[in-house]
Structure formats: C-alpha cells, structure tokens
Amino acid sequence: MQQPGSIAMTDDLVAAFPHQLAGDVRAVLAVMPAARIAPVSPFSVYVGDEAVAIPYRIYQDELPDDVVRDLTGVQQAILHCLYSRHSDGLVRQRHLEQIASSDEPWAVPFVVQLAGE
C-alpha cells in the first residue's frame, strides 16, 4: 500500500494515463506496495490529444493474484501497464503479455516502448 509520503509518486503515475482514468489509476495505486525508489525518467507521448508521461521504470513489488482479481477490468489493465515498466525484466514480460493485445489506446505506448527496448 502507498505510504503517506508518496503523494508525488502517485501523481507521477496518474500522469501516465489520460485524465479520465485518474480515479481508476488512484484505485490501483492504493493497493500497490510502496515504491522502493521513485519512478524513473518519464517519457512523454500523446494519447489522442492528451500528453501523458509514462515512467521508464517503476520499483513497486508485484501484487498477489487475489488482489489483482479484485480490481475491475480497466484497473487490471492499468496495473499491467504500470508493471510493464517494472525494473525486473521478467515482471515486465509477464505484464506485457496481459496488455499486448489490448485495444485500449492508452495501453499502446506501454507496449510500443517495450518493443523498442
């Protein structure tokens, strides 16, 4: 779960998605463990006509499967997008597999960025 001092990091990760998803992103972040390190080197892309800032890497530990199952479908997709930026390549791969076929326009930058790595 997020620590009280992590509001700036929460805002950084909310900025990785279009503004209409802010409530769902905050719901996901509320169940994610606190980060060991702040998100690193965000890169900006446009989703439609809105700029988002996707972190190059995040450092939260993964959630247990039962916690993930309790999230809505959109929230699960958001979680997989975020963990596709994880510092551990195996974690990135597991979560990329969950979003690679997503038709959500906001998931595309997460997939494309990994293809270039």
C-alpha atoms as a PDB file:
ATOM      1  CA  MET A   1       0.000   0.000   0.000  1.00  0.00           C
ATOM      2  CA  GLN A   2       1.094   3.537  -0.649  1.00  0.00           C
ATOM      3  CA  GLN A   3       2.856   5.352   2.159  1.00  0.00           C
ATOM      4  CA  PRO A   4       1.628   8.834   3.200  1.00  0.00           C
ATOM      5  CA  GLY A   5       4.794  10.435   1.813  1.00  0.00           C
ATOM      6  CA  SER A   6       4.279   9.036  -1.661  1.00  0.00           C
ATOM      7  CA  ILE A   7       1.748  11.580  -2.969  1.00  0.00           C
ATOM      8  CA  ALA A   8       4.233  12.966  -5.502  1.00  0.00           C
ATOM      9  CA  MET A   9       4.956   9.468  -6.810  1.00  0.00           C
ATOM     10  CA  THR A  10       1.214   8.798  -7.028  1.00  0.00           C
ATOM     11  CA  ASP A  11       0.754  11.959  -9.071  1.00  0.00           C
ATOM     12  CA  ASP A  12       3.644  10.923 -11.330  1.00  0.00           C
ATOM     13  CA  LEU A  13       1.963   7.603 -12.072  1.00  0.00           C
ATOM     14  CA  VAL A  14      -1.503   9.138 -12.517  1.00  0.00           C
ATOM     15  CA  ALA A  15       0.103  11.331 -15.207  1.00  0.00           C
ATOM     16  CA  ALA A  16       0.951   8.165 -17.188  1.00  0.00           C
ATOM     17  CA  PHE A  17      -2.703   7.835 -18.218  1.00  0.00           C
ATOM     18  CA  PRO A  18      -5.373  10.097 -19.724  1.00  0.00           C
ATOM     19  CA  HIS A  19      -7.131  12.256 -17.142  1.00  0.00           C
ATOM     20  CA  GLN A  20     -10.450  10.388 -17.430  1.00  0.00           C
ATOM     21  CA  LEU A  21      -8.724   7.334 -15.887  1.00  0.00           C
ATOM     22  CA  ALA A  22      -7.398   9.198 -12.825  1.00  0.00           C
ATOM     23  CA  GLY A  23      -9.884   7.590 -10.414  1.00  0.00           C
ATOM     24  CA  ASP A  24      -9.089   4.085 -11.645  1.00  0.00           C
ATOM     25  CA  VAL A  25      -5.338   4.768 -11.567  1.00  0.00           C
ATOM     26  CA  ARG A  26      -5.607   6.015  -7.979  1.00  0.00           C
ATOM     27  CA  ALA A  27      -7.586   2.883  -7.039  1.00  0.00           C
ATOM     28  CA  VAL A  28      -4.784   0.710  -8.464  1.00  0.00           C
ATOM     29  CA  LEU A  29      -2.078   2.737  -6.761  1.00  0.00           C
ATOM     30  CA  ALA A  30      -3.927   2.448  -3.437  1.00  0.00           C
ATOM     31  CA  VAL A  31      -3.394  -1.327  -3.418  1.00  0.00           C
ATOM     32  CA  MET A  32       0.147  -1.344  -4.830  1.00  0.00           C
ATOM     33  CA  PRO A  33       3.032  -1.604  -2.360  1.00  0.00           C
ATOM     34  CA  ALA A  34       5.084   1.496  -1.701  1.00  0.00           C
ATOM     35  CA  ALA A  35       7.917   2.029  -4.161  1.00  0.00           C
ATOM     36  CA  ARG A  36      11.493   1.490  -3.088  1.00  0.00           C
ATOM     37  CA  ILE A  37      12.566   4.266  -5.475  1.00  0.00           C
ATOM     38  CA  ALA A  38      10.631   6.984  -7.280  1.00  0.00           C
ATOM     39  CA  PRO A  39       9.612   6.280 -10.904  1.00  0.00           C
ATOM     40  CA  VAL A  40      12.493   6.956 -13.277  1.00  0.00           C
ATOM     41  CA  SER A  41      12.821   9.058 -16.437  1.00  0.00           C
ATOM     42  CA  PRO A  42       9.273   9.542 -17.688  1.00  0.00           C
ATOM     43  CA  PHE A  43       8.835   9.921 -21.427  1.00  0.00           C
ATOM     44  CA  SER A  44       6.013  11.944 -22.922  1.00  0.00           C
ATOM     45  CA  VAL A  45       3.659  10.680 -25.601  1.00  0.00           C
ATOM     46  CA  TYR A  46       0.231  11.689 -26.796  1.00  0.00           C
ATOM     47  CA  VAL A  47      -2.817   9.512 -26.357  1.00  0.00           C
ATOM     48  CA  GLY A  48      -5.310  11.163 -28.643  1.00  0.00           C
ATOM     49  CA  ASP A  49      -4.819  14.847 -27.993  1.00  0.00           C
ATOM     50  CA  GLU A  50      -3.626  14.436 -24.398  1.00  0.00           C
ATOM     51  CA  ALA A  51       0.013  14.268 -23.312  1.00  0.00           C
ATOM     52  CA  VAL A  52       0.864  11.555 -20.799  1.00  0.00           C
ATOM     53  CA  ALA A  53       4.181  10.942 -19.011  1.00  0.00           C
ATOM     54  CA  ILE A  54       4.987   7.234 -18.801  1.00  0.00           C
ATOM     55  CA  PRO A  55       7.758   6.240 -16.389  1.00  0.00           C
ATOM     56  CA  TYR A  56      10.695   4.410 -17.866  1.00  0.00           C
ATOM     57  CA  ARG A  57      10.875   2.228 -14.731  1.00  0.00           C
ATOM     58  CA  ILE A  58       8.893   1.667 -11.548  1.00  0.00           C
ATOM     59  CA  TYR A  59      10.035  -0.153  -8.413  1.00  0.00           C
ATOM     60  CA  GLN A  60       6.938  -1.499  -6.630  1.00  0.00           C
ATOM     61  CA  ASP A  61       6.771  -5.164  -5.707  1.00  0.00           C
ATOM     62  CA  GLU A  62       4.107  -7.191  -7.511  1.00  0.00           C
ATOM     63  CA  LEU A  63       0.688  -7.752  -6.008  1.00  0.00           C
ATOM     64  CA  PRO A  64      -0.716 -11.152  -5.037  1.00  0.00           C
ATOM     65  CA  ASP A  65      -3.080 -12.625  -7.655  1.00  0.00           C
ATOM     66  CA  ASP A  66      -6.119 -12.361  -5.363  1.00  0.00           C
ATOM     67  CA  VAL A  67      -5.651  -8.598  -5.043  1.00  0.00           C
ATOM     68  CA  VAL A  68      -5.377  -8.246  -8.818  1.00  0.00           C
ATOM     69  CA  ARG A  69      -8.556 -10.297  -9.315  1.00  0.00           C
ATOM     70  CA  ASP A  70     -10.466  -7.882  -7.059  1.00  0.00           C
ATOM     71  CA  LEU A  71      -9.760  -4.979  -9.446  1.00  0.00           C
ATOM     72  CA  THR A  72     -12.094  -4.071 -12.307  1.00  0.00           C
ATOM     73  CA  GLY A  73     -11.060  -4.963 -15.855  1.00  0.00           C
ATOM     74  CA  VAL A  74      -9.897  -1.406 -16.570  1.00  0.00           C
ATOM     75  CA  GLN A  75      -7.982  -1.302 -13.291  1.00  0.00           C
ATOM     76  CA  GLN A  76      -6.291  -4.615 -14.096  1.00  0.00           C
ATOM     77  CA  ALA A  77      -5.215  -3.226 -17.484  1.00  0.00           C
ATOM     78  CA  ILE A  78      -3.826  -0.116 -15.765  1.00  0.00           C
ATOM     79  CA  LEU A  79      -1.935  -2.308 -13.315  1.00  0.00           C
ATOM     80  CA  HIS A  80      -0.465  -4.400 -16.142  1.00  0.00           C
ATOM     81  CA  CYS A  81       0.565  -1.222 -17.975  1.00  0.00           C
ATOM     82  CA  LEU A  82       2.339   0.079 -14.888  1.00  0.00           C
ATOM     83  CA  TYR A  83       4.114  -3.202 -14.176  1.00  0.00           C
ATOM     84  CA  SER A  84       5.189  -3.367 -17.822  1.00  0.00           C
ATOM     85  CA  ARG A  85       7.577  -0.582 -16.745  1.00  0.00           C
ATOM     86  CA  HIS A  86       8.982  -2.569 -13.784  1.00  0.00           C
ATOM     87  CA  SER A  87      12.715  -2.688 -13.106  1.00  0.00           C
ATOM     88  CA  ASP A  88      12.730  -6.508 -13.371  1.00  0.00           C
ATOM     89  CA  GLY A  89      12.570  -7.761 -16.970  1.00  0.00           C
ATOM     90  CA  LEU A  90      10.654 -10.918 -16.032  1.00  0.00           C
ATOM     91  CA  VAL A  91       7.981  -8.840 -14.312  1.00  0.00           C
ATOM     92  CA  ARG A  92       7.779  -6.576 -17.386  1.00  0.00           C
ATOM     93  CA  GLN A  93       7.342  -9.615 -19.642  1.00  0.00           C
ATOM     94  CA  ARG A  94       4.552 -11.143 -17.527  1.00  0.00           C
ATOM     95  CA  HIS A  95       2.564  -7.926 -17.539  1.00  0.00           C
ATOM     96  CA  LEU A  96       3.253  -7.130 -21.188  1.00  0.00           C
ATOM     97  CA  GLU A  97       1.656 -10.462 -22.089  1.00  0.00           C
ATOM     98  CA  GLN A  98      -1.522  -9.224 -20.398  1.00  0.00           C
ATOM     99  CA  ILE A  99      -1.746  -5.955 -22.363  1.00  0.00           C
ATOM    100  CA  ALA A 100      -0.138  -6.807 -25.717  1.00  0.00           C
ATOM    101  CA  SER A 101      -3.497  -7.451 -27.363  1.00  0.00           C
ATOM    102  CA  SER A 102      -5.351  -4.619 -25.621  1.00  0.00           C
ATOM    103  CA  ASP A 103      -7.416  -2.359 -27.840  1.00  0.00           C
ATOM    104  CA  GLU A 104      -7.241   0.497 -25.324  1.00  0.00           C
ATOM    105  CA  PRO A 105      -5.442   3.450 -26.946  1.00  0.00           C
ATOM    106  CA  TRP A 106      -3.800   4.354 -23.631  1.00  0.00           C
ATOM    107  CA  ALA A 107      -2.150   0.904 -23.413  1.00  0.00           C
ATOM    108  CA  VAL A 108      -0.408   1.230 -26.790  1.00  0.00           C
ATOM    109  CA  PRO A 109       2.523   3.429 -25.609  1.00  0.00           C
ATOM    110  CA  PHE A 110       3.362   0.897 -22.884  1.00  0.00           C
ATOM    111  CA  VAL A 111       3.561  -1.909 -25.458  1.00  0.00           C
ATOM    112  CA  VAL A 112       5.409   0.098 -28.117  1.00  0.00           C
ATOM    113  CA  GLN A 113       8.030   1.332 -25.673  1.00  0.00           C
ATOM    114  CA  LEU A 114       8.895  -2.227 -24.672  1.00  0.00           C
ATOM    115  CA  ALA A 115       9.212  -3.261 -28.309  1.00  0.00           C
ATOM    116  CA  GLY A 116      11.967  -0.686 -28.657  1.00  0.00           C
ATOM    117  CA  GLU A 117      13.954  -1.879 -25.633  1.00  0.00           C
END
